[in-house]
Amino acid sequence: MPAYIHHHDDIEPGFVICPSCVGLEMYVRDVEPHWSMAKIDFTYECASCGTEVRQTVVKPELRH
């Protein structure tokens, strides 16, 4: 496994519903981590109509 992959139990993107097909779930087409790993961009695509949706997940603050 590459060293740059980080597994986070706290961050799990929920499923995304296609805005065009209304009701069909979209799949993750691309994942783009930012250089600081503070944010991750997910690109979802609908298998039926091809609509793309981008969602940014922000890393939660660590609590001690």
Protein backbone atom coordinates (compact mmCIF):
# COMPACT_ATOMS: atom_id res chain seq x y z
CA MET A 1 0.00 0.00 0.00
CA PRO A 2 1.44 3.41 -0.90
CA ALA A 3 2.64 5.55 1.99
CA TYR A 4 0.53 8.56 1.00
CA ILE A 5 -2.81 6.80 1.61
CA HIS A 6 -4.31 7.69 4.98
CA HIS A 7 -7.21 5.79 6.46
CA HIS A 8 -9.59 7.82 8.57
CA ASP A 9 -12.37 6.23 10.58
CA ASP A 10 -14.02 9.60 11.22
CA ILE A 11 -14.34 10.66 7.56
CA GLU A 12 -16.77 8.71 5.48
CA PRO A 13 -18.65 10.46 2.70
CA GLY A 14 -22.32 9.55 2.53
CA PHE A 15 -23.97 8.49 -0.66
CA VAL A 16 -24.93 11.12 -3.22
CA ILE A 17 -28.21 11.11 -5.15
CA CYS A 18 -28.16 12.20 -8.79
CA PRO A 19 -29.91 15.57 -9.19
CA SER A 20 -30.96 14.72 -12.77
CA CYS A 21 -32.24 11.17 -12.31
CA VAL A 22 -33.61 11.84 -8.79
CA GLY A 23 -33.33 8.66 -6.79
CA LEU A 24 -30.32 6.94 -8.33
CA GLU A 25 -27.12 6.78 -6.30
CA MET A 26 -23.91 8.09 -7.83
CA TYR A 27 -20.52 6.37 -7.62
CA VAL A 28 -17.14 7.90 -6.75
CA ARG A 29 -15.24 8.58 -9.97
CA ASP A 30 -12.25 10.49 -8.60
CA VAL A 31 -10.66 11.38 -5.24
CA GLU A 32 -8.30 14.37 -5.01
CA PRO A 33 -6.57 15.00 -1.67
CA HIS A 34 -5.22 18.50 -1.10
CA TRP A 35 -1.50 18.79 -0.37
CA SER A 36 -2.10 19.44 3.35
CA MET A 37 -4.60 16.53 3.63
CA ALA A 38 -6.95 18.99 5.38
CA LYS A 39 -9.50 18.63 2.57
CA ILE A 40 -10.39 15.89 0.12
CA ASP A 41 -12.43 16.45 -3.06
CA PHE A 42 -14.69 13.62 -4.21
CA THR A 43 -16.07 13.59 -7.76
CA TYR A 44 -19.24 11.54 -8.13
CA GLU A 45 -20.71 10.42 -11.45
CA CYS A 46 -24.13 9.01 -12.33
CA ALA A 47 -23.94 5.73 -14.23
CA SER A 48 -27.23 6.45 -15.97
CA CYS A 49 -26.93 10.04 -17.28
CA GLY A 50 -23.25 10.94 -16.66
CA THR A 51 -23.89 13.93 -14.39
CA GLU A 52 -20.87 14.88 -12.22
CA VAL A 53 -21.04 16.29 -8.68
CA ARG A 54 -18.04 17.48 -6.63
CA GLN A 55 -18.05 17.30 -2.84
CA THR A 56 -15.32 18.55 -0.50
CA VAL A 57 -14.81 16.83 2.86
CA VAL A 58 -12.93 18.81 5.50
CA LYS A 59 -10.79 16.99 8.05
CA PRO A 60 -12.31 17.35 11.53
CA GLU A 61 -10.31 19.03 14.28
CA LEU A 62 -8.43 16.62 16.55
CA ARG A 63 -9.59 16.72 20.15
CA HIS A 64 -7.26 15.79 22.99
